[in-house]
Amino acid sequence: MAESLHVEVVYAGPSQQVVRRVSLPAGSTVMQAIEASGLARDVPGLVVDPARLGIFSRKAAPDQVLGEGDRVEIYRPLTLDPKEARRRRAHEG
């Protein structure tokens, strides 16, 4: 019998947070977990950018192999550049 692992795939949009738990065969990758979760299909407007993925807040490649209990995170683009936000706060303050 092949071993399996259990991971969470999460996405936090501006108005909703979605967490999906999936079971995958051992040796599965970040992108396979995202595909198995169905988030890209079920969350309107979600586009999975391979450069904006992580595991427990650390950047991860789409082909990175997962471990038991990992939390795969799909990040969305920033709405405002952090440097610009600092400039605006300094100007207002």
PDB file of N, CA and C in Angstrom:
ATOM      1  N   MET A   1       0.835  -1.185   0.000  1.00  0.00           N
ATOM      2  CA  MET A   1       0.000   0.000   0.000  1.00  0.00           C
ATOM      3  C   MET A   1       0.880   1.249   0.000  1.00  0.00           C
ATOM      4  N   ALA A   2       0.576   2.174  -0.861  1.00  0.00           N
ATOM      5  CA  ALA A   2       1.365   3.402  -0.976  1.00  0.00           C
ATOM      6  C   ALA A   2       1.064   4.327   0.200  1.00  0.00           C
ATOM      7  N   GLU A   3       2.100   4.996   0.673  1.00  0.00           N
ATOM      8  CA  GLU A   3       1.916   5.945   1.764  1.00  0.00           C
ATOM      9  C   GLU A   3       1.225   7.191   1.241  1.00  0.00           C
ATOM     10  N   SER A   4       0.470   7.840   2.130  1.00  0.00           N
ATOM     11  CA  SER A   4      -0.160   9.101   1.743  1.00  0.00           C
ATOM     12  C   SER A   4       0.197  10.157   2.775  1.00  0.00           C
ATOM     13  N   LEU A   5       0.015  11.403   2.390  1.00  0.00           N
ATOM     14  CA  LEU A   5       0.259  12.503   3.306  1.00  0.00           C
ATOM     15  C   LEU A   5      -0.930  13.442   3.260  1.00  0.00           C
ATOM     16  N   HIS A   6      -1.097  14.164   4.346  1.00  0.00           N
ATOM     17  CA  HIS A   6      -2.218  15.098   4.473  1.00  0.00           C
ATOM     18  C   HIS A   6      -1.653  16.502   4.590  1.00  0.00           C
ATOM     19  N   VAL A   7      -2.139  17.401   3.742  1.00  0.00           N
ATOM     20  CA  VAL A   7      -1.685  18.788   3.738  1.00  0.00           C
ATOM     21  C   VAL A   7      -2.891  19.716   3.658  1.00  0.00           C
ATOM     22  N   GLU A   8      -2.663  20.982   3.975  1.00  0.00           N
ATOM     23  CA  GLU A   8      -3.676  22.022   3.811  1.00  0.00           C
ATOM     24  C   GLU A   8      -3.244  22.930   2.679  1.00  0.00           C
ATOM     25  N   VAL A   9      -4.215  23.386   1.909  1.00  0.00           N
ATOM     26  CA  VAL A   9      -3.974  24.394   0.873  1.00  0.00           C
ATOM     27  C   VAL A   9      -4.826  25.593   1.255  1.00  0.00           C
ATOM     28  N   VAL A  10      -4.199  26.761   1.397  1.00  0.00           N
ATOM     29  CA  VAL A  10      -4.923  27.940   1.861  1.00  0.00           C
ATOM     30  C   VAL A  10      -4.758  29.112   0.913  1.00  0.00           C
ATOM     31  N   TYR A  11      -5.806  29.932   0.879  1.00  0.00           N
ATOM     32  CA  TYR A  11      -5.789  31.180   0.107  1.00  0.00           C
ATOM     33  C   TYR A  11      -6.596  32.207   0.886  1.00  0.00           C
ATOM     34  N   ALA A  12      -6.047  33.392   1.052  1.00  0.00           N
ATOM     35  CA  ALA A  12      -6.750  34.478   1.719  1.00  0.00           C
ATOM     36  C   ALA A  12      -6.939  35.613   0.740  1.00  0.00           C
ATOM     37  N   GLY A  13      -8.156  35.764   0.279  1.00  0.00           N
ATOM     38  CA  GLY A  13      -8.493  36.863  -0.616  1.00  0.00           C
ATOM     39  C   GLY A  13      -8.902  38.078   0.181  1.00  0.00           C
ATOM     40  N   PRO A  14      -9.238  39.178  -0.474  1.00  0.00           N
ATOM     41  CA  PRO A  14      -9.629  40.385   0.246  1.00  0.00           C
ATOM     42  C   PRO A  14     -10.923  40.202   1.040  1.00  0.00           C
ATOM     43  N   SER A  15     -11.796  39.309   0.608  1.00  0.00           N
ATOM     44  CA  SER A  15     -13.081  39.160   1.294  1.00  0.00           C
ATOM     45  C   SER A  15     -13.339  37.763   1.832  1.00  0.00           C
ATOM     46  N   GLN A  16     -12.433  36.827   1.568  1.00  0.00           N
ATOM     47  CA  GLN A  16     -12.668  35.466   2.039  1.00  0.00           C
ATOM     48  C   GLN A  16     -11.363  34.728   2.280  1.00  0.00           C
ATOM     49  N   GLN A  17     -11.438  33.751   3.179  1.00  0.00           N
ATOM     50  CA  GLN A  17     -10.322  32.857   3.430  1.00  0.00           C
ATOM     51  C   GLN A  17     -10.798  31.437   3.159  1.00  0.00           C
ATOM     52  N   VAL A  18      -9.995  30.680   2.446  1.00  0.00           N
ATOM     53  CA  VAL A  18     -10.376  29.318   2.094  1.00  0.00           C
ATOM     54  C   VAL A  18      -9.265  28.374   2.537  1.00  0.00           C
ATOM     55  N   VAL A  19      -9.653  27.317   3.233  1.00  0.00           N
ATOM     56  CA  VAL A  19      -8.718  26.289   3.670  1.00  0.00           C
ATOM     57  C   VAL A  19      -9.262  24.950   3.188  1.00  0.00           C
ATOM     58  N   ARG A  20      -8.440  24.207   2.500  1.00  0.00           N
ATOM     59  CA  ARG A  20      -8.837  22.873   2.022  1.00  0.00           C
ATOM     60  C   ARG A  20      -7.803  21.858   2.512  1.00  0.00           C
ATOM     61  N   ARG A  21      -8.278  20.782   3.073  1.00  0.00           N
ATOM     62  CA  ARG A  21      -7.403  19.685   3.467  1.00  0.00           C
ATOM     63  C   ARG A  21      -7.470  18.615   2.383  1.00  0.00           C
ATOM     64  N   VAL A  22      -6.302  18.149   1.958  1.00  0.00           N
ATOM     65  CA  VAL A  22      -6.256  17.135   0.908  1.00  0.00           C
ATOM     66  C   VAL A  22      -5.313  16.011   1.317  1.00  0.00           C
ATOM     67  N   SER A  23      -5.603  14.830   0.835  1.00  0.00           N
ATOM     68  CA  SER A  23      -4.733  13.661   0.999  1.00  0.00           C
ATOM     69  C   SER A  23      -4.108  13.368  -0.357  1.00  0.00           C
ATOM     70  N   LEU A  24      -2.807  13.178  -0.345  1.00  0.00           N
ATOM     71  CA  LEU A  24      -2.053  12.963  -1.579  1.00  0.00           C
ATOM     72  C   LEU A  24      -1.078  11.813  -1.392  1.00  0.00           C
ATOM     73  N   PRO A  25      -0.637  11.207  -2.477  1.00  0.00           N
ATOM     74  CA  PRO A  25       0.403  10.181  -2.364  1.00  0.00           C
ATOM     75  C   PRO A  25       1.714  10.813  -1.894  1.00  0.00           C
ATOM     76  N   ALA A  26       2.506  10.062  -1.162  1.00  0.00           N
ATOM     77  CA  ALA A  26       3.826  10.539  -0.739  1.00  0.00           C
ATOM     78  C   ALA A  26       4.615  10.932  -1.981  1.00  0.00           C
ATOM     79  N   GLY A  27       5.377  12.014  -1.875  1.00  0.00           N
ATOM     80  CA  GLY A  27       6.163  12.497  -3.010  1.00  0.00           C
ATOM     81  C   GLY A  27       5.441  13.521  -3.858  1.00  0.00           C
ATOM     82  N   SER A  28       4.223  13.922  -3.463  1.00  0.00           N
ATOM     83  CA  SER A  28       3.466  14.914  -4.230  1.00  0.00           C
ATOM     84  C   SER A  28       4.088  16.298  -4.069  1.00  0.00           C
ATOM     85  N   THR A  29       3.811  17.164  -5.045  1.00  0.00           N
ATOM     86  CA  THR A  29       4.398  18.499  -5.069  1.00  0.00           C
ATOM     87  C   THR A  29       3.378  19.572  -4.675  1.00  0.00           C
ATOM     88  N   VAL A  30       3.882  20.777  -4.517  1.00  0.00           N
ATOM     89  CA  VAL A  30       3.040  21.930  -4.181  1.00  0.00           C
ATOM     90  C   VAL A  30       1.934  22.101  -5.220  1.00  0.00           C
ATOM     91  N   MET A  31       2.272  22.069  -6.499  1.00  0.00           N
ATOM     92  CA  MET A  31       1.274  22.287  -7.546  1.00  0.00           C
ATOM     93  C   MET A  31       0.252  21.159  -7.584  1.00  0.00           C
ATOM     94  N   GLN A  32       0.664  19.949  -7.317  1.00  0.00           N
ATOM     95  CA  GLN A  32      -0.282  18.826  -7.272  1.00  0.00           C
ATOM     96  C   GLN A  32      -1.285  19.008  -6.132  1.00  0.00           C
ATOM     97  N   ALA A  33      -0.828  19.542  -5.011  1.00  0.00           N
ATOM     98  CA  ALA A  33      -1.730  19.800  -3.887  1.00  0.00           C
ATOM     99  C   ALA A  33      -2.742  20.880  -4.248  1.00  0.00           C
ATOM    100  N   ILE A  34      -2.291  21.924  -4.933  1.00  0.00           N
ATOM    101  CA  ILE A  34      -3.195  23.005  -5.338  1.00  0.00           C
ATOM    102  C   ILE A  34      -4.248  22.471  -6.304  1.00  0.00           C
ATOM    103  N   GLU A  35      -3.807  21.665  -7.259  1.00  0.00           N
ATOM    104  CA  GLU A  35      -4.748  21.087  -8.216  1.00  0.00           C
ATOM    105  C   GLU A  35      -5.755  20.177  -7.523  1.00  0.00           C
ATOM    106  N   ALA A  36      -5.298  19.368  -6.569  1.00  0.00           N
ATOM    107  CA  ALA A  36      -6.186  18.451  -5.851  1.00  0.00           C
ATOM    108  C   ALA A  36      -7.187  19.195  -4.973  1.00  0.00           C
ATOM    109  N   SER A  37      -6.812  20.388  -4.501  1.00  0.00           N
ATOM    110  CA  SER A  37      -7.698  21.152  -3.623  1.00  0.00           C
ATOM    111  C   SER A  37      -8.887  21.746  -4.376  1.00  0.00           C
ATOM    112  N   GLY A  38      -8.715  22.011  -5.672  1.00  0.00           N
ATOM    113  CA  GLY A  38      -9.782  22.615  -6.460  1.00  0.00           C
ATOM    114  C   GLY A  38      -9.959  24.107  -6.228  1.00  0.00           C
ATOM    115  N   LEU A  39      -9.045  24.743  -5.523  1.00  0.00           N
ATOM    116  CA  LEU A  39      -9.179  26.181  -5.238  1.00  0.00           C
ATOM    117  C   LEU A  39      -9.211  27.029  -6.497  1.00  0.00           C
ATOM    118  N   ALA A  40      -8.343  26.726  -7.454  1.00  0.00           N
ATOM    119  CA  ALA A  40      -8.284  27.540  -8.678  1.00  0.00           C
ATOM    120  C   ALA A  40      -9.615  27.507  -9.417  1.00  0.00           C
ATOM    121  N   ARG A  41     -10.324  26.412  -9.293  1.00  0.00           N
ATOM    122  CA  ARG A  41     -11.615  26.266  -9.957  1.00  0.00           C
ATOM    123  C   ARG A  41     -12.743  26.916  -9.149  1.00  0.00           C
ATOM    124  N   ASP A  42     -12.677  26.824  -7.823  1.00  0.00           N
ATOM    125  CA  ASP A  42     -13.784  27.236  -6.963  1.00  0.00           C
ATOM    126  C   ASP A  42     -13.747  28.698  -6.501  1.00  0.00           C
ATOM    127  N   VAL A  43     -12.586  29.336  -6.549  1.00  0.00           N
ATOM    128  CA  VAL A  43     -12.472  30.732  -6.102  1.00  0.00           C
ATOM    129  C   VAL A  43     -12.478  31.633  -7.329  1.00  0.00           C
ATOM    130  N   PRO A  44     -13.523  32.430  -7.500  1.00  0.00           N
ATOM    131  CA  PRO A  44     -13.602  33.302  -8.683  1.00  0.00           C
ATOM    132  C   PRO A  44     -12.422  34.268  -8.758  1.00  0.00           C
ATOM    133  N   GLY A  45     -11.825  34.356  -9.921  1.00  0.00           N
ATOM    134  CA  GLY A  45     -10.738  35.307 -10.146  1.00  0.00           C
ATOM    135  C   GLY A  45      -9.376  34.864  -9.648  1.00  0.00           C
ATOM    136  N   LEU A  46      -9.286  33.702  -9.025  1.00  0.00           N
ATOM    137  CA  LEU A  46      -7.992  33.247  -8.513  1.00  0.00           C
ATOM    138  C   LEU A  46      -7.129  32.738  -9.661  1.00  0.00           C
ATOM    139  N   VAL A  47      -5.949  33.342  -9.781  1.00  0.00           N
ATOM    140  CA  VAL A  47      -4.958  32.886 -10.749  1.00  0.00           C
ATOM    141  C   VAL A  47      -3.737  32.480  -9.941  1.00  0.00           C
ATOM    142  N   VAL A  48      -3.360  31.225 -10.035  1.00  0.00           N
ATOM    143  CA  VAL A  48      -2.220  30.716  -9.267  1.00  0.00           C
ATOM    144  C   VAL A  48      -0.937  31.084  -9.998  1.00  0.00           C
ATOM    145  N   ASP A  49      -0.155  31.972  -9.387  1.00  0.00           N
ATOM    146  CA  ASP A  49       1.134  32.394  -9.937  1.00  0.00           C
ATOM    147  C   ASP A  49       2.215  31.522  -9.294  1.00  0.00           C
ATOM    148  N   PRO A  50       2.952  30.743 -10.069  1.00  0.00           N
ATOM    149  CA  PRO A  50       3.984  29.871  -9.496  1.00  0.00           C
ATOM    150  C   PRO A  50       5.038  30.616  -8.679  1.00  0.00           C
ATOM    151  N   ALA A  51       5.187  31.907  -8.899  1.00  0.00           N
ATOM    152  CA  ALA A  51       6.161  32.691  -8.144  1.00  0.00           C
ATOM    153  C   ALA A  51       5.604  33.167  -6.802  1.00  0.00           C
ATOM    154  N   ARG A  52       4.316  32.938  -6.551  1.00  0.00           N
ATOM    155  CA  ARG A  52       3.677  33.411  -5.319  1.00  0.00           C
ATOM    156  C   ARG A  52       3.084  32.248  -4.536  1.00  0.00           C
ATOM    157  N   LEU A  53       3.958  31.287  -4.201  1.00  0.00           N
ATOM    158  CA  LEU A  53       3.546  30.129  -3.429  1.00  0.00           C
ATOM    159  C   LEU A  53       4.470  29.975  -2.233  1.00  0.00           C
ATOM    160  N   GLY A  54       3.953  29.393  -1.169  1.00  0.00           N
ATOM    161  CA  GLY A  54       4.777  29.170   0.001  1.00  0.00           C
ATOM    162  C   GLY A  54       4.303  27.977   0.808  1.00  0.00           C
ATOM    163  N   ILE A  55       5.167  27.551   1.712  1.00  0.00           N
ATOM    164  CA  ILE A  55       4.834  26.530   2.695  1.00  0.00           C
ATOM    165  C   ILE A  55       5.180  27.121   4.049  1.00  0.00           C
ATOM    166  N   PHE A  56       4.175  27.283   4.895  1.00  0.00           N
ATOM    167  CA  PHE A  56       4.361  27.895   6.219  1.00  0.00           C
ATOM    168  C   PHE A  56       5.149  29.205   6.119  1.00  0.00           C
ATOM    169  N   SER A  57       4.714  30.113   5.258  1.00  0.00           N
ATOM    170  CA  SER A  57       5.272  31.461   5.101  1.00  0.00           C
ATOM    171  C   SER A  57       6.676  31.505   4.504  1.00  0.00           C
ATOM    172  N   ARG A  58       7.148  30.409   3.969  1.00  0.00           N
ATOM    173  CA  ARG A  58       8.450  30.398   3.288  1.00  0.00           C
ATOM    174  C   ARG A  58       8.213  30.101   1.815  1.00  0.00           C
ATOM    175  N   LYS A  59       8.865  30.858   0.974  1.00  0.00           N
ATOM    176  CA  LYS A  59       8.684  30.703  -0.473  1.00  0.00           C
ATOM    177  C   LYS A  59       8.933  29.255  -0.896  1.00  0.00           C
ATOM    178  N   ALA A  60       8.088  28.777  -1.805  1.00  0.00           N
ATOM    179  CA  ALA A  60       8.205  27.399  -2.282  1.00  0.00           C
ATOM    180  C   ALA A  60       8.048  27.358  -3.797  1.00  0.00           C
ATOM    181  N   ALA A  61       8.749  26.444  -4.415  1.00  0.00           N
ATOM    182  CA  ALA A  61       8.641  26.233  -5.859  1.00  0.00           C
ATOM    183  C   ALA A  61       7.454  25.309  -6.131  1.00  0.00           C
ATOM    184  N   PRO A  62       6.834  25.441  -7.297  1.00  0.00           N
ATOM    185  CA  PRO A  62       5.696  24.577  -7.629  1.00  0.00           C
ATOM    186  C   PRO A  62       6.043  23.088  -7.621  1.00  0.00           C
ATOM    187  N   ASP A  63       7.309  22.760  -7.890  1.00  0.00           N
ATOM    188  CA  ASP A  63       7.702  21.354  -7.936  1.00  0.00           C
ATOM    189  C   ASP A  63       8.340  20.854  -6.637  1.00  0.00           C
ATOM    190  N   GLN A  64       8.240  21.656  -5.572  1.00  0.00           N
ATOM    191  CA  GLN A  64       8.789  21.245  -4.283  1.00  0.00           C
ATOM    192  C   GLN A  64       7.952  20.108  -3.705  1.00  0.00           C
ATOM    193  N   VAL A  65       8.615  19.091  -3.206  1.00  0.00           N
ATOM    194  CA  VAL A  65       7.939  17.929  -2.633  1.00  0.00           C
ATOM    195  C   VAL A  65       7.437  18.275  -1.230  1.00  0.00           C
ATOM    196  N   LEU A  66       6.224  17.842  -0.938  1.00  0.00           N
ATOM    197  CA  LEU A  66       5.577  18.154   0.337  1.00  0.00           C
ATOM    198  C   LEU A  66       5.867  17.101   1.399  1.00  0.00           C
ATOM    199  N   GLY A  67       5.742  17.537   2.650  1.00  0.00           N
ATOM    200  CA  GLY A  67       5.855  16.630   3.783  1.00  0.00           C
ATOM    201  C   GLY A  67       4.526  16.565   4.515  1.00  0.00           C
ATOM    202  N   GLU A  68       4.369  15.596   5.367  1.00  0.00           N
ATOM    203  CA  GLU A  68       3.146  15.417   6.149  1.00  0.00           C
ATOM    204  C   GLU A  68       2.845  16.682   6.955  1.00  0.00           C
ATOM    205  N   GLY A  69       1.614  17.160   6.858  1.00  0.00           N
ATOM    206  CA  GLY A  69       1.168  18.302   7.648  1.00  0.00           C
ATOM    207  C   GLY A  69       1.541  19.667   7.105  1.00  0.00           C
ATOM    208  N   ASP A  70       2.163  19.741   5.938  1.00  0.00           N
ATOM    209  CA  ASP A  70       2.533  21.040   5.369  1.00  0.00           C
ATOM    210  C   ASP A  70       1.287  21.881   5.070  1.00  0.00           C
ATOM    211  N   ARG A  71       1.465  23.200   5.118  1.00  0.00           N
ATOM    212  CA  ARG A  71       0.405  24.135   4.736  1.00  0.00           C
ATOM    213  C   ARG A  71       0.879  24.890   3.506  1.00  0.00           C
ATOM    214  N   VAL A  72       0.269  24.592   2.372  1.00  0.00           N
ATOM    215  CA  VAL A  72       0.599  25.254   1.101  1.00  0.00           C
ATOM    216  C   VAL A  72      -0.191  26.552   1.040  1.00  0.00           C
ATOM    217  N   GLU A  73       0.501  27.658   0.806  1.00  0.00           N
ATOM    218  CA  GLU A  73      -0.141  28.973   0.787  1.00  0.00           C
ATOM    219  C   GLU A  73      -0.051  29.574  -0.618  1.00  0.00           C
ATOM    220  N   ILE A  74      -1.183  30.069  -1.083  1.00  0.00           N
ATOM    221  CA  ILE A  74      -1.244  30.763  -2.376  1.00  0.00           C
ATOM    222  C   ILE A  74      -1.339  32.248  -2.052  1.00  0.00           C
ATOM    223  N   TYR A  75      -0.330  33.003  -2.467  1.00  0.00           N
ATOM    224  CA  TYR A  75      -0.300  34.435  -2.166  1.00  0.00           C
ATOM    225  C   TYR A  75      -0.885  35.238  -3.313  1.00  0.00           C
ATOM    226  N   ARG A  76      -1.517  36.349  -2.963  1.00  0.00           N
ATOM    227  CA  ARG A  76      -2.049  37.241  -3.997  1.00  0.00           C
ATOM    228  C   ARG A  76      -1.099  38.421  -4.155  1.00  0.00           C
ATOM    229  N   PRO A  77      -1.159  39.107  -5.281  1.00  0.00           N
ATOM    230  CA  PRO A  77      -0.257  40.246  -5.497  1.00  0.00           C
ATOM    231  C   PRO A  77      -0.555  41.374  -4.506  1.00  0.00           C
ATOM    232  N   LEU A  78       0.469  42.144  -4.201  1.00  0.00           N
ATOM    233  CA  LEU A  78       0.285  43.305  -3.326  1.00  0.00           C
ATOM    234  C   LEU A  78      -0.540  44.361  -4.048  1.00  0.00           C
ATOM    235  N   THR A  79      -1.402  45.040  -3.308  1.00  0.00           N
ATOM    236  CA  THR A  79      -2.199  46.097  -3.915  1.00  0.00           C
ATOM    237  C   THR A  79      -1.428  47.412  -3.960  1.00  0.00           C
ATOM    238  N   LEU A  80      -0.416  47.541  -3.092  1.00  0.00           N
ATOM    239  CA  LEU A  80       0.390  48.760  -3.046  1.00  0.00           C
ATOM    240  C   LEU A  80       1.820  48.381  -2.698  1.00  0.00           C
ATOM    241  N   ASP A  81       2.769  48.933  -3.418  1.00  0.00           N
ATOM    242  CA  ASP A  81       4.177  48.690  -3.156  1.00  0.00           C
ATOM    243  C   ASP A  81       4.518  49.181  -1.746  1.00  0.00           C
ATOM    244  N   PRO A  82       5.199  48.382  -0.921  1.00  0.00           N
ATOM    245  CA  PRO A  82       5.526  48.790   0.450  1.00  0.00           C
ATOM    246  C   PRO A  82       6.295  50.111   0.535  1.00  0.00           C
ATOM    247  N   LYS A  83       7.187  50.379  -0.419  1.00  0.00           N
ATOM    248  CA  LYS A  83       7.931  51.646  -0.399  1.00  0.00           C
ATOM    249  C   LYS A  83       6.990  52.825  -0.622  1.00  0.00           C
ATOM    250  N   GLU A  84       6.045  52.653  -1.541  1.00  0.00           N
ATOM    251  CA  GLU A  84       5.078  53.718  -1.804  1.00  0.00           C
ATOM    252  C   GLU A  84       4.187  53.944  -0.584  1.00  0.00           C
ATOM    253  N   ALA A  85       3.799  52.886   0.086  1.00  0.00           N
ATOM    254  CA  ALA A  85       2.969  53.014   1.291  1.00  0.00           C
ATOM    255  C   ALA A  85       3.714  53.801   2.370  1.00  0.00           C
ATOM    256  N   ARG A  86       5.020  53.524   2.546  1.00  0.00           N
ATOM    257  CA  ARG A  86       5.827  54.267   3.526  1.00  0.00           C
ATOM    258  C   ARG A  86       5.913  55.740   3.150  1.00  0.00           C
ATOM    259  N   ARG A  87       6.110  56.026   1.861  1.00  0.00           N
ATOM    260  CA  ARG A  87       6.164  57.419   1.414  1.00  0.00           C
ATOM    261  C   ARG A  87       4.866  58.157   1.722  1.00  0.00           C
ATOM    262  N   ARG A  88       3.756  57.499   1.464  1.00  0.00           N
ATOM    263  CA  ARG A  88       2.455  58.125   1.728  1.00  0.00           C
ATOM    264  C   ARG A  88       2.251  58.393   3.206  1.00  0.00           C
ATOM    265  N   ARG A  89       2.626  57.437   4.037  1.00  0.00           N
ATOM    266  CA  ARG A  89       2.481  57.646   5.495  1.00  0.00           C
ATOM    267  C   ARG A  89       3.380  58.774   5.979  1.00  0.00           C
ATOM    268  N   ALA A  90       4.603  58.833   5.469  1.00  0.00           N
ATOM    269  CA  ALA A  90       5.536  59.895   5.874  1.00  0.00           C
ATOM    270  C   ALA A  90       5.023  61.256   5.435  1.00  0.00           C
ATOM    271  N   HIS A  91       4.450  61.308   4.265  1.00  0.00           N
ATOM    272  CA  HIS A  91       3.908  62.576   3.747  1.00  0.00           C
ATOM    273  C   HIS A  91       2.697  63.034   4.568  1.00  0.00           C
ATOM    274  N   GLU A  92       1.860  62.104   4.976  1.00  0.00           N
ATOM    275  CA  GLU A  92       0.673  62.458   5.752  1.00  0.00           C
ATOM    276  C   GLU A  92       0.988  62.809   7.193  1.00  0.00           C
ATOM    277  N   GLY A  93       2.022  62.174   7.747  1.00  0.00           N
ATOM    278  CA  GLY A  93       2.305  62.281   9.169  1.00  0.00           C
ATOM    279  C   GLY A  93       3.117  63.438   9.529  1.00  0.00           C
TER     280      GLY A  93
END
